[in-house]
C-alpha atoms as a PDB file:
ATOM      1  CA  UNK A   1      -9.591  24.331 -27.700  1.00  0.00           C
ATOM      2  CA  UNK A   2     -11.736  21.776 -29.465  1.00  0.00           C
ATOM      3  CA  UNK A   3     -14.927  20.357 -27.845  1.00  0.00           C
ATOM      4  CA  UNK A   4     -16.804  17.147 -28.607  1.00  0.00           C
ATOM      5  CA  UNK A   5     -20.403  16.628 -27.726  1.00  0.00           C
ATOM      6  CA  UNK A   6     -20.712  12.928 -26.843  1.00  0.00           C
ATOM      7  CA  UNK A   7     -24.254  11.755 -27.537  1.00  0.00           C
ATOM      8  CA  UNK A   8     -23.862   7.986 -27.755  1.00  0.00           C
ATOM      9  CA  UNK A   9     -21.016   5.607 -27.103  1.00  0.00           C
ATOM     10  CA  UNK A  10     -20.413   2.065 -28.261  1.00  0.00           C
ATOM     11  CA  UNK A  11     -20.154  -0.719 -25.527  1.00  0.00           C
ATOM     12  CA  UNK A  12     -16.576  -1.692 -26.739  1.00  0.00           C
ATOM     13  CA  UNK A  13     -15.507   2.044 -26.442  1.00  0.00           C
ATOM     14  CA  UNK A  14     -16.967   2.513 -22.998  1.00  0.00           C
ATOM     15  CA  UNK A  15     -15.377  -0.862 -21.806  1.00  0.00           C
ATOM     16  CA  UNK A  16     -12.084   0.182 -23.191  1.00  0.00           C
ATOM     17  CA  UNK A  17     -12.230   3.573 -21.389  1.00  0.00           C
ATOM     18  CA  UNK A  18     -13.181   1.854 -18.047  1.00  0.00           C
ATOM     19  CA  UNK A  19     -10.200  -0.561 -18.481  1.00  0.00           C
ATOM     20  CA  UNK A  20      -7.816   2.199 -19.215  1.00  0.00           C
ATOM     21  CA  UNK A  21      -9.030   4.113 -16.205  1.00  0.00           C
ATOM     22  CA  UNK A  22      -8.920   1.084 -13.884  1.00  0.00           C
ATOM     23  CA  UNK A  23      -5.599  -0.041 -15.123  1.00  0.00           C
ATOM     24  CA  UNK A  24      -3.812   3.290 -14.460  1.00  0.00           C
ATOM     25  CA  UNK A  25      -5.526   3.658 -11.128  1.00  0.00           C
ATOM     26  CA  UNK A  26      -4.317   0.175 -10.228  1.00  0.00           C
ATOM     27  CA  UNK A  27      -0.832   0.984 -11.385  1.00  0.00           C
ATOM     28  CA  UNK A  28      -0.783   4.276  -9.309  1.00  0.00           C
ATOM     29  CA  UNK A  29      -2.014   2.314  -6.266  1.00  0.00           C
ATOM     30  CA  UNK A  30       0.700  -0.452  -6.714  1.00  0.00           C
ATOM     31  CA  UNK A  31       3.374   2.153  -7.054  1.00  0.00           C
ATOM     32  CA  UNK A  32       2.092   4.000  -4.031  1.00  0.00           C
ATOM     33  CA  UNK A  33       2.243   0.778  -2.004  1.00  0.00           C
ATOM     34  CA  UNK A  34       5.786   0.070  -3.304  1.00  0.00           C
ATOM     35  CA  UNK A  35       6.853   3.633  -2.154  1.00  0.00           C
ATOM     36  CA  UNK A  36       5.120   3.154   1.190  1.00  0.00           C
ATOM     37  CA  UNK A  37       6.898  -0.135   1.689  1.00  0.00           C
ATOM     38  CA  UNK A  38      10.270   1.444   0.911  1.00  0.00           C
ATOM     39  CA  UNK A  39       9.469   3.955   3.629  1.00  0.00           C
ATOM     40  CA  UNK A  40       8.696   1.332   6.238  1.00  0.00           C
ATOM     41  CA  UNK A  41       4.833   1.262   6.158  1.00  0.00           C
ATOM     42  CA  UNK A  42       3.279  -2.099   7.064  1.00  0.00           C
ATOM     43  CA  UNK A  43       2.485  -3.188   3.538  1.00  0.00           C
ATOM     44  CA  UNK A  44       1.158  -6.839   3.321  1.00  0.00           C
ATOM     45  CA  UNK A  45       0.445  -9.001   0.224  1.00  0.00           C
ATOM     46  CA  UNK A  46      -1.577 -12.177   0.424  1.00  0.00           C
ATOM     47  CA  UNK A  47      -1.306 -14.729  -2.522  1.00  0.00           C
ATOM     48  CA  UNK A  48      -3.304 -17.680  -1.590  1.00  0.00           C
ATOM     49  CA  UNK A  49      -1.843 -19.086   1.775  1.00  0.00           C
ATOM     50  CA  UNK A  50       1.411 -17.106   1.377  1.00  0.00           C
ATOM     51  CA  UNK A  51       1.704 -13.770   3.121  1.00  0.00           C
ATOM     52  CA  UNK A  52       4.381 -11.268   2.233  1.00  0.00           C
ATOM     53  CA  UNK A  53       5.298  -8.168   4.008  1.00  0.00           C
ATOM     54  CA  UNK A  54       7.643  -5.277   3.486  1.00  0.00           C
ATOM     55  CA  UNK A  55       9.391  -4.397   0.323  1.00  0.00           C
ATOM     56  CA  UNK A  56       8.602  -7.751  -1.233  1.00  0.00           C
ATOM     57  CA  UNK A  57       4.914  -7.047  -0.775  1.00  0.00           C
ATOM     58  CA  UNK A  58       5.428  -3.678  -2.347  1.00  0.00           C
ATOM     59  CA  UNK A  59       7.027  -5.289  -5.462  1.00  0.00           C
ATOM     60  CA  UNK A  60       4.227  -7.685  -5.616  1.00  0.00           C
ATOM     61  CA  UNK A  61       1.669  -4.894  -5.398  1.00  0.00           C
ATOM     62  CA  UNK A  62       3.167  -3.253  -8.476  1.00  0.00           C
ATOM     63  CA  UNK A  63       2.111  -6.277 -10.413  1.00  0.00           C
ATOM     64  CA  UNK A  64      -1.042  -7.448  -8.658  1.00  0.00           C
ATOM     65  CA  UNK A  65      -2.880  -4.205  -8.154  1.00  0.00           C
ATOM     66  CA  UNK A  66      -3.164  -3.293 -11.773  1.00  0.00           C
ATOM     67  CA  UNK A  67      -4.507  -6.837 -12.554  1.00  0.00           C
ATOM     68  CA  UNK A  68      -7.091  -6.661  -9.807  1.00  0.00           C
ATOM     69  CA  UNK A  69      -8.185  -3.207 -10.753  1.00  0.00           C
ATOM     70  CA  UNK A  70      -8.365  -4.257 -14.433  1.00  0.00           C
ATOM     71  CA  UNK A  71     -10.724  -7.016 -13.402  1.00  0.00           C
ATOM     72  CA  UNK A  72     -12.748  -4.784 -11.292  1.00  0.00           C
ATOM     73  CA  UNK A  73     -12.778  -2.087 -14.081  1.00  0.00           C
ATOM     74  CA  UNK A  74     -14.174  -4.634 -16.525  1.00  0.00           C
ATOM     75  CA  UNK A  75     -16.890  -5.662 -14.146  1.00  0.00           C
ATOM     76  CA  UNK A  76     -17.787  -2.039 -13.348  1.00  0.00           C
ATOM     77  CA  UNK A  77     -17.812  -1.304 -16.986  1.00  0.00           C
ATOM     78  CA  UNK A  78     -20.202  -4.056 -17.825  1.00  0.00           C
ATOM     79  CA  UNK A  79     -22.596  -2.986 -14.967  1.00  0.00           C
ATOM     80  CA  UNK A  80     -22.489   0.795 -15.578  1.00  0.00           C
ATOM     81  CA  UNK A  81     -22.746   0.830 -19.285  1.00  0.00           C
ATOM     82  CA  UNK A  82     -26.529   1.019 -19.471  1.00  0.00           C
ATOM     83  CA  UNK A  83     -26.901   3.596 -16.652  1.00  0.00           C
ATOM     84  CA  UNK A  84     -24.298   5.808 -18.474  1.00  0.00           C
ATOM     85  CA  UNK A  85     -26.220   5.561 -21.645  1.00  0.00           C
ATOM     86  CA  UNK A  86     -29.341   6.552 -19.828  1.00  0.00           C
ATOM     87  CA  UNK A  87     -27.608   9.472 -18.352  1.00  0.00           C
ATOM     88  CA  UNK A  88     -26.426  10.685 -21.737  1.00  0.00           C
ATOM     89  CA  UNK A  89     -29.953  10.616 -23.003  1.00  0.00           C
ATOM     90  CA  UNK A  90     -31.354  12.412 -19.922  1.00  0.00           C
ATOM     91  CA  UNK A  91     -28.763  15.151 -19.957  1.00  0.00           C
ATOM     92  CA  UNK A  92     -28.682  15.278 -23.811  1.00  0.00           C
ATOM     93  CA  UNK A  93     -25.078  14.251 -24.116  1.00  0.00           C
ATOM     94  CA  UNK A  94     -21.808  15.206 -22.534  1.00  0.00           C
ATOM     95  CA  UNK A  95     -19.288  17.822 -23.671  1.00  0.00           C
ATOM     96  CA  UNK A  96     -15.639  16.897 -23.603  1.00  0.00           C
ATOM     97  CA  UNK A  97     -12.824  19.414 -24.123  1.00  0.00           C
ATOM     98  CA  UNK A  98      -9.954  18.246 -26.283  1.00  0.00           C
ATOM     99  CA  UNK A  99      -6.445  19.786 -26.354  1.00  0.00           C
END
């Protein structure tokens, strides 16, 4: 198994990683809401003044959740970049195992 010692990271690379994580989390969350709506859970989606419930809300959540999570991931990436770089310096890097 290969290991990589991460000592420094560029802002764009960190932001890209955060966007990938947030987008995949949003897609998982949207799919989970869709499945729950198929099972009869009270899923609700609000778009402006329109309120959707049931399976329609589940379908909407498949598309809206990833977009919302991408936006939040972008903001979180911008906010957390400098603390992450500081943590890398304090802990003398981070070891990542590659397959």
